[in-house]
Amino acid sequence: MIGNLKPLEILLIIAVIVLLFGAKKLPEMARSLGKSARILKSEAKAMKKDGESEDAAATAPVADQAPAQPVAPRTIQAAPGDVTSARPVSEPNRTTQA
């Protein structure tokens, strides 16, 4: 369906979008979309990193480990320098039943 559009029709659609949303709103919407993409990317990297560290912890021998020390909650930043959307993340406590 998109392959059937002619350049004039595409320009008409873009003009309607600009009229509907306004020229001032479009840059804000683009910035917001970019910020959301950065947040999603950083969260995905953090989840991948957590998964790798859990796998490494599961394969480590238990007898050689030192006693567990309390860990401060870590903070995941949405974007570098963006402290308004940073939030603390609580880590689940692992307890072994013997």
PDB file of N, CA and C in Angstrom:
ATOM      1  N   MET A   1       0.825  -1.193   0.000  1.00  0.00           N
ATOM      2  CA  MET A   1       0.000   0.000   0.000  1.00  0.00           C
ATOM      3  C   MET A   1       0.874   1.264   0.000  1.00  0.00           C
ATOM      4  N   ILE A   2       1.966   1.247   0.739  1.00  0.00           N
ATOM      5  CA  ILE A   2       2.829   2.427   0.798  1.00  0.00           C
ATOM      6  C   ILE A   2       3.552   2.611  -0.533  1.00  0.00           C
ATOM      7  N   GLY A   3       3.823   1.524  -1.239  1.00  0.00           N
ATOM      8  CA  GLY A   3       4.505   1.613  -2.517  1.00  0.00           C
ATOM      9  C   GLY A   3       3.693   2.346  -3.576  1.00  0.00           C
ATOM     10  N   ASN A   4       2.388   2.475  -3.375  1.00  0.00           N
ATOM     11  CA  ASN A   4       1.525   3.134  -4.345  1.00  0.00           C
ATOM     12  C   ASN A   4       1.455   4.647  -4.154  1.00  0.00           C
ATOM     13  N   LEU A   5       2.040   5.164  -3.084  1.00  0.00           N
ATOM     14  CA  LEU A   5       1.985   6.603  -2.814  1.00  0.00           C
ATOM     15  C   LEU A   5       2.944   7.353  -3.724  1.00  0.00           C
ATOM     16  N   LYS A   6       2.473   8.454  -4.243  1.00  0.00           N
ATOM     17  CA  LYS A   6       3.291   9.326  -5.087  1.00  0.00           C
ATOM     18  C   LYS A   6       3.897  10.422  -4.208  1.00  0.00           C
ATOM     19  N   PRO A   7       4.959  11.081  -4.646  1.00  0.00           N
ATOM     20  CA  PRO A   7       5.600  12.124  -3.833  1.00  0.00           C
ATOM     21  C   PRO A   7       4.641  13.228  -3.387  1.00  0.00           C
ATOM     22  N   LEU A   8       3.710  13.609  -4.232  1.00  0.00           N
ATOM     23  CA  LEU A   8       2.752  14.648  -3.850  1.00  0.00           C
ATOM     24  C   LEU A   8       1.861  14.177  -2.709  1.00  0.00           C
ATOM     25  N   GLU A   9       1.457  12.930  -2.743  1.00  0.00           N
ATOM     26  CA  GLU A   9       0.613  12.389  -1.675  1.00  0.00           C
ATOM     27  C   GLU A   9       1.382  12.307  -0.355  1.00  0.00           C
ATOM     28  N   ILE A  10       2.651  11.949  -0.432  1.00  0.00           N
ATOM     29  CA  ILE A  10       3.476  11.895   0.779  1.00  0.00           C
ATOM     30  C   ILE A  10       3.627  13.290   1.378  1.00  0.00           C
ATOM     31  N   LEU A  11       3.864  14.293   0.539  1.00  0.00           N
ATOM     32  CA  LEU A  11       3.967  15.671   1.041  1.00  0.00           C
ATOM     33  C   LEU A  11       2.658  16.129   1.664  1.00  0.00           C
ATOM     34  N   LEU A  12       1.545  15.746   1.086  1.00  0.00           N
ATOM     35  CA  LEU A  12       0.243  16.102   1.635  1.00  0.00           C
ATOM     36  C   LEU A  12       0.031  15.467   3.008  1.00  0.00           C
ATOM     37  N   ILE A  13       0.444  14.227   3.175  1.00  0.00           N
ATOM     38  CA  ILE A  13       0.329  13.551   4.477  1.00  0.00           C
ATOM     39  C   ILE A  13       1.208  14.246   5.507  1.00  0.00           C
ATOM     40  N   ILE A  14       2.422  14.600   5.129  1.00  0.00           N
ATOM     41  CA  ILE A  14       3.323  15.303   6.059  1.00  0.00           C
ATOM     42  C   ILE A  14       2.741  16.655   6.446  1.00  0.00           C
ATOM     43  N   ALA A  15       2.158  17.372   5.495  1.00  0.00           N
ATOM     44  CA  ALA A  15       1.543  18.676   5.787  1.00  0.00           C
ATOM     45  C   ALA A  15       0.383  18.519   6.764  1.00  0.00           C
ATOM     46  N   VAL A  16      -0.416  17.484   6.605  1.00  0.00           N
ATOM     47  CA  VAL A  16      -1.541  17.251   7.522  1.00  0.00           C
ATOM     48  C   VAL A  16      -1.019  16.947   8.927  1.00  0.00           C
ATOM     49  N   ILE A  17       0.041  16.167   9.018  1.00  0.00           N
ATOM     50  CA  ILE A  17       0.625  15.852  10.334  1.00  0.00           C
ATOM     51  C   ILE A  17       1.140  17.120  11.006  1.00  0.00           C
ATOM     52  N   VAL A  18       1.809  17.980  10.244  1.00  0.00           N
ATOM     53  CA  VAL A  18       2.321  19.240  10.811  1.00  0.00           C
ATOM     54  C   VAL A  18       1.169  20.124  11.263  1.00  0.00           C
ATOM     55  N   LEU A  19       0.102  20.181  10.494  1.00  0.00           N
ATOM     56  CA  LEU A  19      -1.057  20.988  10.888  1.00  0.00           C
ATOM     57  C   LEU A  19      -1.740  20.427  12.131  1.00  0.00           C
ATOM     58  N   LEU A  20      -1.836  19.118  12.221  1.00  0.00           N
ATOM     59  CA  LEU A  20      -2.503  18.512  13.376  1.00  0.00           C
ATOM     60  C   LEU A  20      -1.709  18.699  14.667  1.00  0.00           C
ATOM     61  N   PHE A  21      -0.423  18.408  14.611  1.00  0.00           N
ATOM     62  CA  PHE A  21       0.380  18.439  15.826  1.00  0.00           C
ATOM     63  C   PHE A  21       1.059  19.776  16.062  1.00  0.00           C
ATOM     64  N   GLY A  22       1.202  20.575  15.076  1.00  0.00           N
ATOM     65  CA  GLY A  22       1.853  21.875  15.228  1.00  0.00           C
ATOM     66  C   GLY A  22       3.351  21.740  15.082  1.00  0.00           C
ATOM     67  N   ALA A  23       3.950  22.756  14.520  1.00  0.00           N
ATOM     68  CA  ALA A  23       5.394  22.733  14.275  1.00  0.00           C
ATOM     69  C   ALA A  23       6.193  22.744  15.577  1.00  0.00           C
ATOM     70  N   LYS A  24       5.645  23.299  16.652  1.00  0.00           N
ATOM     71  CA  LYS A  24       6.360  23.353  17.929  1.00  0.00           C
ATOM     72  C   LYS A  24       6.359  22.000  18.630  1.00  0.00           C
ATOM     73  N   LYS A  25       5.330  21.208  18.454  1.00  0.00           N
ATOM     74  CA  LYS A  25       5.224  19.926  19.144  1.00  0.00           C
ATOM     75  C   LYS A  25       6.092  18.837  18.514  1.00  0.00           C
ATOM     76  N   LEU A  26       6.332  18.905  17.219  1.00  0.00           N
ATOM     77  CA  LEU A  26       7.068  17.835  16.546  1.00  0.00           C
ATOM     78  C   LEU A  26       8.493  17.645  17.081  1.00  0.00           C
ATOM     79  N   PRO A  27       9.295  18.705  17.294  1.00  0.00           N
ATOM     80  CA  PRO A  27      10.628  18.476  17.875  1.00  0.00           C
ATOM     81  C   PRO A  27      10.563  17.900  19.288  1.00  0.00           C
ATOM     82  N   GLU A  28       9.586  18.338  20.080  1.00  0.00           N
ATOM     83  CA  GLU A  28       9.428  17.784  21.426  1.00  0.00           C
ATOM     84  C   GLU A  28       9.099  16.299  21.369  1.00  0.00           C
ATOM     85  N   MET A  29       8.216  15.927  20.436  1.00  0.00           N
ATOM     86  CA  MET A  29       7.842  14.525  20.298  1.00  0.00           C
ATOM     87  C   MET A  29       9.045  13.695  19.850  1.00  0.00           C
ATOM     88  N   ALA A  30       9.865  14.223  18.964  1.00  0.00           N
ATOM     89  CA  ALA A  30      11.055  13.506  18.496  1.00  0.00           C
ATOM     90  C   ALA A  30      12.064  13.337  19.637  1.00  0.00           C
ATOM     91  N   ARG A  31      12.253  14.387  20.450  1.00  0.00           N
ATOM     92  CA  ARG A  31      13.145  14.296  21.603  1.00  0.00           C
ATOM     93  C   ARG A  31      12.651  13.259  22.592  1.00  0.00           C
ATOM     94  N   SER A  32      11.362  13.278  22.844  1.00  0.00           N
ATOM     95  CA  SER A  32      10.768  12.318  23.779  1.00  0.00           C
ATOM     96  C   SER A  32      10.944  10.889  23.284  1.00  0.00           C
ATOM     97  N   LEU A  33      10.752  10.681  21.995  1.00  0.00           N
ATOM     98  CA  LEU A  33      10.930   9.356  21.414  1.00  0.00           C
ATOM     99  C   LEU A  33      12.381   8.901  21.537  1.00  0.00           C
ATOM    100  N   GLY A  34      13.324   9.790  21.287  1.00  0.00           N
ATOM    101  CA  GLY A  34      14.739   9.460  21.422  1.00  0.00           C
ATOM    102  C   GLY A  34      15.121   9.141  22.851  1.00  0.00           C
ATOM    103  N   LYS A  35      14.585   9.908  23.789  1.00  0.00           N
ATOM    104  CA  LYS A  35      14.868   9.665  25.208  1.00  0.00           C
ATOM    105  C   LYS A  35      14.313   8.311  25.632  1.00  0.00           C
ATOM    106  N   SER A  36      13.113   7.990  25.174  1.00  0.00           N
ATOM    107  CA  SER A  36      12.514   6.695  25.495  1.00  0.00           C
ATOM    108  C   SER A  36      13.346   5.560  24.929  1.00  0.00           C
ATOM    109  N   ALA A  37      13.865   5.731  23.734  1.00  0.00           N
ATOM    110  CA  ALA A  37      14.708   4.698  23.129  1.00  0.00           C
ATOM    111  C   ALA A  37      15.996   4.511  23.927  1.00  0.00           C
ATOM    112  N   ARG A  38      16.600   5.605  24.406  1.00  0.00           N
ATOM    113  CA  ARG A  38      17.816   5.498  25.222  1.00  0.00           C
ATOM    114  C   ARG A  38      17.524   4.784  26.533  1.00  0.00           C
ATOM    115  N   ILE A  39      16.392   5.086  27.162  1.00  0.00           N
ATOM    116  CA  ILE A  39      16.019   4.431  28.412  1.00  0.00           C
ATOM    117  C   ILE A  39      15.845   2.938  28.182  1.00  0.00           C
ATOM    118  N   LEU A  40      15.132   2.580  27.128  1.00  0.00           N
ATOM    119  CA  LEU A  40      14.912   1.175  26.821  1.00  0.00           C
ATOM    120  C   LEU A  40      16.234   0.459  26.580  1.00  0.00           C
ATOM    121  N   LYS A  41      17.134   1.093  25.863  1.00  0.00           N
ATOM    122  CA  LYS A  41      18.430   0.489  25.569  1.00  0.00           C
ATOM    123  C   LYS A  41      19.244   0.286  26.847  1.00  0.00           C
ATOM    124  N   SER A  42      19.261   1.279  27.737  1.00  0.00           N
ATOM    125  CA  SER A  42      20.037   1.148  28.970  1.00  0.00           C
ATOM    126  C   SER A  42      19.436   0.090  29.892  1.00  0.00           C
ATOM    127  N   GLU A  43      18.109   0.002  29.944  1.00  0.00           N
ATOM    128  CA  GLU A  43      17.460  -1.028  30.765  1.00  0.00           C
ATOM    129  C   GLU A  43      17.759  -2.416  30.209  1.00  0.00           C
ATOM    130  N   ALA A  44      17.755  -2.568  28.903  1.00  0.00           N
ATOM    131  CA  ALA A  44      18.051  -3.867  28.294  1.00  0.00           C
ATOM    132  C   ALA A  44      19.493  -4.277  28.586  1.00  0.00           C
ATOM    133  N   LYS A  45      20.429  -3.320  28.509  1.00  0.00           N
ATOM    134  CA  LYS A  45      21.821  -3.627  28.825  1.00  0.00           C
ATOM    135  C   LYS A  45      21.971  -4.025  30.288  1.00  0.00           C
ATOM    136  N   ALA A  46      21.267  -3.329  31.183  1.00  0.00           N
ATOM    137  CA  ALA A  46      21.348  -3.638  32.611  1.00  0.00           C
ATOM    138  C   ALA A  46      20.782  -5.027  32.891  1.00  0.00           C
ATOM    139  N   MET A  47      19.689  -5.374  32.241  1.00  0.00           N
ATOM    140  CA  MET A  47      19.104  -6.702  32.440  1.00  0.00           C
ATOM    141  C   MET A  47      20.050  -7.789  31.923  1.00  0.00           C
ATOM    142  N   LYS A  48      20.691  -7.539  30.789  1.00  0.00           N
ATOM    143  CA  LYS A  48      21.631  -8.505  30.228  1.00  0.00           C
ATOM    144  C   LYS A  48      22.825  -8.666  31.155  1.00  0.00           C
ATOM    145  N   LYS A  49      23.318  -7.544  31.682  1.00  0.00           N
ATOM    146  CA  LYS A  49      24.453  -7.578  32.597  1.00  0.00           C
ATOM    147  C   LYS A  49      24.087  -8.339  33.870  1.00  0.00           C
ATOM    148  N   ASP A  50      22.878  -8.118  34.402  1.00  0.00           N
ATOM    149  CA  ASP A  50      22.426  -8.831  35.594  1.00  0.00           C
ATOM    150  C   ASP A  50      22.336 -10.327  35.334  1.00  0.00           C
ATOM    151  N   GLY A  51      21.851 -10.699  34.154  1.00  0.00           N
ATOM    152  CA  GLY A  51      21.741 -12.113  33.808  1.00  0.00           C
ATOM    153  C   GLY A  51      23.104 -12.778  33.723  1.00  0.00           C
ATOM    154  N   GLU A  52      24.078 -12.079  33.170  1.00  0.00           N
ATOM    155  CA  GLU A  52      25.427 -12.628  33.070  1.00  0.00           C
ATOM    156  C   GLU A  52      26.049 -12.773  34.453  1.00  0.00           C
ATOM    157  N   SER A  53      25.849 -11.808  35.346  1.00  0.00           N
ATOM    158  CA  SER A  53      26.434 -11.890  36.688  1.00  0.00           C
ATOM    159  C   SER A  53      25.769 -12.995  37.503  1.00  0.00           C
ATOM    160  N   GLU A  54      24.459 -13.224  37.291  1.00  0.00           N
ATOM    161  CA  GLU A  54      23.776 -14.317  37.988  1.00  0.00           C
ATOM    162  C   GLU A  54      24.289 -15.662  37.505  1.00  0.00           C
ATOM    163  N   ASP A  55      24.565 -15.785  36.202  1.00  0.00           N
ATOM    164  CA  ASP A  55      25.100 -17.033  35.661  1.00  0.00           C
ATOM    165  C   ASP A  55      26.487 -17.307  36.225  1.00  0.00           C
ATOM    166  N   ALA A  56      27.306 -16.265  36.333  1.00  0.00           N
ATOM    167  CA  ALA A  56      28.653 -16.422  36.878  1.00  0.00           C
ATOM    168  C   ALA A  56      28.597 -16.787  38.354  1.00  0.00           C
ATOM    169  N   ALA A  57      27.652 -16.221  39.091  1.00  0.00           N
ATOM    170  CA  ALA A  57      27.514 -16.521  40.515  1.00  0.00           C
ATOM    171  C   ALA A  57      27.020 -17.952  40.721  1.00  0.00           C
ATOM    172  N   ALA A  58      26.201 -18.436  39.823  1.00  0.00           N
ATOM    173  CA  ALA A  58      25.671 -19.785  39.958  1.00  0.00           C
ATOM    174  C   ALA A  58      26.742 -20.833  39.683  1.00  0.00           C
ATOM    175  N   THR A  59      27.715 -20.538  38.837  1.00  0.00           N
ATOM    176  CA  THR A  59      28.745 -21.504  38.507  1.00  0.00           C
ATOM    177  C   THR A  59      29.939 -21.454  39.460  1.00  0.00           C
ATOM    178  N   ALA A  60      30.036 -20.428  40.303  1.00  0.00           N
ATOM    179  CA  ALA A  60      31.150 -20.310  41.246  1.00  0.00           C
ATOM    180  C   ALA A  60      30.979 -21.323  42.372  1.00  0.00           C
ATOM    181  N   PRO A  61      32.085 -21.902  42.868  1.00  0.00           N
ATOM    182  CA  PRO A  61      31.981 -22.860  43.982  1.00  0.00           C
ATOM    183  C   PRO A  61      31.532 -22.161  45.254  1.00  0.00           C
ATOM    184  N   VAL A  62      30.665 -22.820  46.012  1.00  0.00           N
ATOM    185  CA  VAL A  62      30.070 -22.221  47.208  1.00  0.00           C
ATOM    186  C   VAL A  62      31.039 -22.241  48.373  1.00  0.00           C
ATOM    187  N   ALA A  63      31.879 -23.259  48.494  1.00  0.00           N
ATOM    188  CA  ALA A  63      32.761 -23.398  49.649  1.00  0.00           C
ATOM    189  C   ALA A  63      33.822 -22.313  49.687  1.00  0.00           C
ATOM    190  N   ASP A  64      34.243 -21.810  48.544  1.00  0.00           N
ATOM    191  CA  ASP A  64      35.314 -20.817  48.499  1.00  0.00           C
ATOM    192  C   ASP A  64      34.833 -19.387  48.663  1.00  0.00           C
ATOM    193  N   GLN A  65      33.535 -19.180  48.747  1.00  0.00           N
ATOM    194  CA  GLN A  65      33.014 -17.816  48.816  1.00  0.00           C
ATOM    195  C   GLN A  65      33.140 -17.252  50.225  1.00  0.00           C
ATOM    196  N   ALA A  66      33.409 -15.958  50.284  1.00  0.00           N
ATOM    197  CA  ALA A  66      33.479 -15.246  51.554  1.00  0.00           C
ATOM    198  C   ALA A  66      32.060 -14.954  52.029  1.00  0.00           C
ATOM    199  N   PRO A  67      31.875 -14.645  53.321  1.00  0.00           N
ATOM    200  CA  PRO A  67      30.534 -14.301  53.800  1.00  0.00           C
ATOM    201  C   PRO A  67      29.972 -13.111  53.028  1.00  0.00           C
ATOM    202  N   ALA A  68      28.685 -13.144  52.795  1.00  0.00           N
ATOM    203  CA  ALA A  68      28.033 -12.090  52.006  1.00  0.00           C
ATOM    204  C   ALA A  68      28.024 -10.771  52.769  1.00  0.00           C
ATOM    205  N   GLN A  69      28.329  -9.702  52.075  1.00  0.00           N
ATOM    206  CA  GLN A  69      28.302  -8.375  52.662  1.00  0.00           C
ATOM    207  C   GLN A  69      27.051  -7.674  52.178  1.00  0.00           C
ATOM    208  N   PRO A  70      26.475  -6.795  53.008  1.00  0.00           N
ATOM    209  CA  PRO A  70      25.278  -6.068  52.546  1.00  0.00           C
ATOM    210  C   PRO A  70      25.629  -5.187  51.342  1.00  0.00           C
ATOM    211  N   VAL A  71      24.758  -5.197  50.359  1.00  0.00           N
ATOM    212  CA  VAL A  71      24.985  -4.452  49.130  1.00  0.00           C
ATOM    213  C   VAL A  71      24.021  -3.274  49.088  1.00  0.00           C
ATOM    214  N   ALA A  72      24.552  -2.102  48.806  1.00  0.00           N
ATOM    215  CA  ALA A  72      23.702  -0.915  48.692  1.00  0.00           C
ATOM    216  C   ALA A  72      22.884  -1.014  47.411  1.00  0.00           C
ATOM    217  N   PRO A  73      21.652  -0.501  47.408  1.00  0.00           N
ATOM    218  CA  PRO A  73      20.861  -0.543  46.166  1.00  0.00           C
ATOM    219  C   PRO A  73      21.552   0.258  45.074  1.00  0.00           C
ATOM    220  N   ARG A  74      21.571  -0.304  43.891  1.00  0.00           N
ATOM    221  CA  ARG A  74      22.223   0.379  42.788  1.00  0.00           C
ATOM    222  C   ARG A  74      21.212   1.242  42.048  1.00  0.00           C
ATOM    223  N   THR A  75      21.717   2.193  41.283  1.00  0.00           N
ATOM    224  CA  THR A  75      20.858   3.108  40.552  1.00  0.00           C
ATOM    225  C   THR A  75      21.091   2.932  39.064  1.00  0.00           C
ATOM    226  N   ILE A  76      20.000   2.784  38.312  1.00  0.00           N
ATOM    227  CA  ILE A  76      20.094   2.699  36.861  1.00  0.00           C
ATOM    228  C   ILE A  76      19.737   4.064  36.309  1.00  0.00           C
ATOM    229  N   GLN A  77      20.638   4.636  35.535  1.00  0.00           N
ATOM    230  CA  GLN A  77      20.382   5.937  34.945  1.00  0.00           C
ATOM    231  C   GLN A  77      19.747   5.765  33.579  1.00  0.00           C
ATOM    232  N   ALA A  78      18.790   6.620  33.279  1.00  0.00           N
ATOM    233  CA  ALA A  78      18.113   6.564  31.992  1.00  0.00           C
ATOM    234  C   ALA A  78      19.036   7.045  30.879  1.00  0.00           C
ATOM    235  N   ALA A  79      19.731   8.098  31.117  1.00  0.00           N
ATOM    236  CA  ALA A  79      20.667   8.642  30.136  1.00  0.00           C
ATOM    237  C   ALA A  79      21.770   9.340  30.920  1.00  0.00           C
ATOM    238  N   PRO A  80      22.949   9.489  30.341  1.00  0.00           N
ATOM    239  CA  PRO A  80      24.026  10.160  31.065  1.00  0.00           C
ATOM    240  C   PRO A  80      23.629  11.572  31.472  1.00  0.00           C
ATOM    241  N   GLY A  81      23.736  11.848  32.760  1.00  0.00           N
ATOM    242  CA  GLY A  81      23.418  13.171  33.268  1.00  0.00           C
ATOM    243  C   GLY A  81      21.944  13.403  33.542  1.00  0.00           C
ATOM    244  N   ASP A  82      21.100  12.418  33.291  1.00  0.00           N
ATOM    245  CA  ASP A  82      19.658  12.575  33.505  1.00  0.00           C
ATOM    246  C   ASP A  82      19.309  11.997  34.869  1.00  0.00           C
ATOM    247  N   VAL A  83      19.262  12.862  35.895  1.00  0.00           N
ATOM    248  CA  VAL A  83      19.001  12.390  37.248  1.00  0.00           C
ATOM    249  C   VAL A  83      17.520  12.418  37.600  1.00  0.00           C
ATOM    250  N   THR A  84      16.701  13.008  36.765  1.00  0.00           N
ATOM    251  CA  THR A  84      15.274  13.085  37.089  1.00  0.00           C
ATOM    252  C   THR A  84      14.580  11.746  36.926  1.00  0.00           C
ATOM    253  N   SER A  85      15.085  10.901  36.034  1.00  0.00           N
ATOM    254  CA  SER A  85      14.418   9.620  35.823  1.00  0.00           C
ATOM    255  C   SER A  85      15.205   8.452  36.415  1.00  0.00           C
ATOM    256  N   ALA A  86      16.299   8.717  37.140  1.00  0.00           N
ATOM    257  CA  ALA A  86      17.056   7.652  37.781  1.00  0.00           C
ATOM    258  C   ALA A  86      16.266   7.149  38.981  1.00  0.00           C
ATOM    259  N   ARG A  87      16.331   5.840  39.176  1.00  0.00           N
ATOM    260  CA  ARG A  87      15.582   5.266  40.288  1.00  0.00           C
ATOM    261  C   ARG A  87      16.392   4.146  40.926  1.00  0.00           C
ATOM    262  N   PRO A  88      16.258   3.936  42.238  1.00  0.00           N
ATOM    263  CA  PRO A  88      16.970   2.829  42.873  1.00  0.00           C
ATOM    264  C   PRO A  88      16.327   1.504  42.497  1.00  0.00           C
ATOM    265  N   VAL A  89      17.151   0.498  42.401  1.00  0.00           N
ATOM    266  CA  VAL A  89      16.675  -0.838  42.048  1.00  0.00           C
ATOM    267  C   VAL A  89      17.009  -1.772  43.196  1.00  0.00           C
ATOM    268  N   SER A  90      16.030  -2.489  43.687  1.00  0.00           N
ATOM    269  CA  SER A  90      16.294  -3.413  44.778  1.00  0.00           C
ATOM    270  C   SER A  90      16.676  -4.771  44.216  1.00  0.00           C
ATOM    271  N   GLU A  91      17.723  -5.340  44.759  1.00  0.00           N
ATOM    272  CA  GLU A  91      18.199  -6.646  44.326  1.00  0.00           C
ATOM    273  C   GLU A  91      17.525  -7.701  45.185  1.00  0.00           C
ATOM    274  N   PRO A  92      17.109  -8.820  44.596  1.00  0.00           N
ATOM    275  CA  PRO A  92      16.513  -9.884  45.410  1.00  0.00           C
ATOM    276  C   PRO A  92      17.573 -10.548  46.271  1.00  0.00           C
ATOM    277  N   ASN A  93      17.230 -10.862  47.499  1.00  0.00           N
ATOM    278  CA  ASN A  93      18.149 -11.530  48.407  1.00  0.00           C
ATOM    279  C   ASN A  93      18.101 -13.026  48.142  1.00  0.00           C
ATOM    280  N   ARG A  94      19.259 -13.637  48.053  1.00  0.00           N
ATOM    281  CA  ARG A  94      19.312 -15.082  47.813  1.00  0.00           C
ATOM    282  C   ARG A  94      19.535 -15.768  49.157  1.00  0.00           C
ATOM    283  N   THR A  95      18.658 -16.635  49.497  1.00  0.00           N
ATOM    284  CA  THR A  95      18.809 -17.412  50.721  1.00  0.00           C
ATOM    285  C   THR A  95      18.835 -18.870  50.332  1.00  0.00           C
ATOM    286  N   THR A  96      19.752 -19.594  50.934  1.00  0.00           N
ATOM    287  CA  THR A  96      19.840 -21.028  50.658  1.00  0.00           C
ATOM    288  C   THR A  96      19.286 -21.788  51.843  1.00  0.00           C
ATOM    289  N   GLN A  97      18.557 -22.800  51.544  1.00  0.00           N
ATOM    290  CA  GLN A  97      17.980 -23.640  52.600  1.00  0.00           C
ATOM    291  C   GLN A  97      18.799 -24.906  52.701  1.00  0.00           C
ATOM    292  N   ALA A  98      19.320 -25.136  53.898  1.00  0.00           N
ATOM    293  CA  ALA A  98      20.172 -26.331  54.089  1.00  0.00           C
ATOM    294  C   ALA A  98      19.493 -27.330  54.972  1.00  0.00           C
TER     295      ALA A  98
END
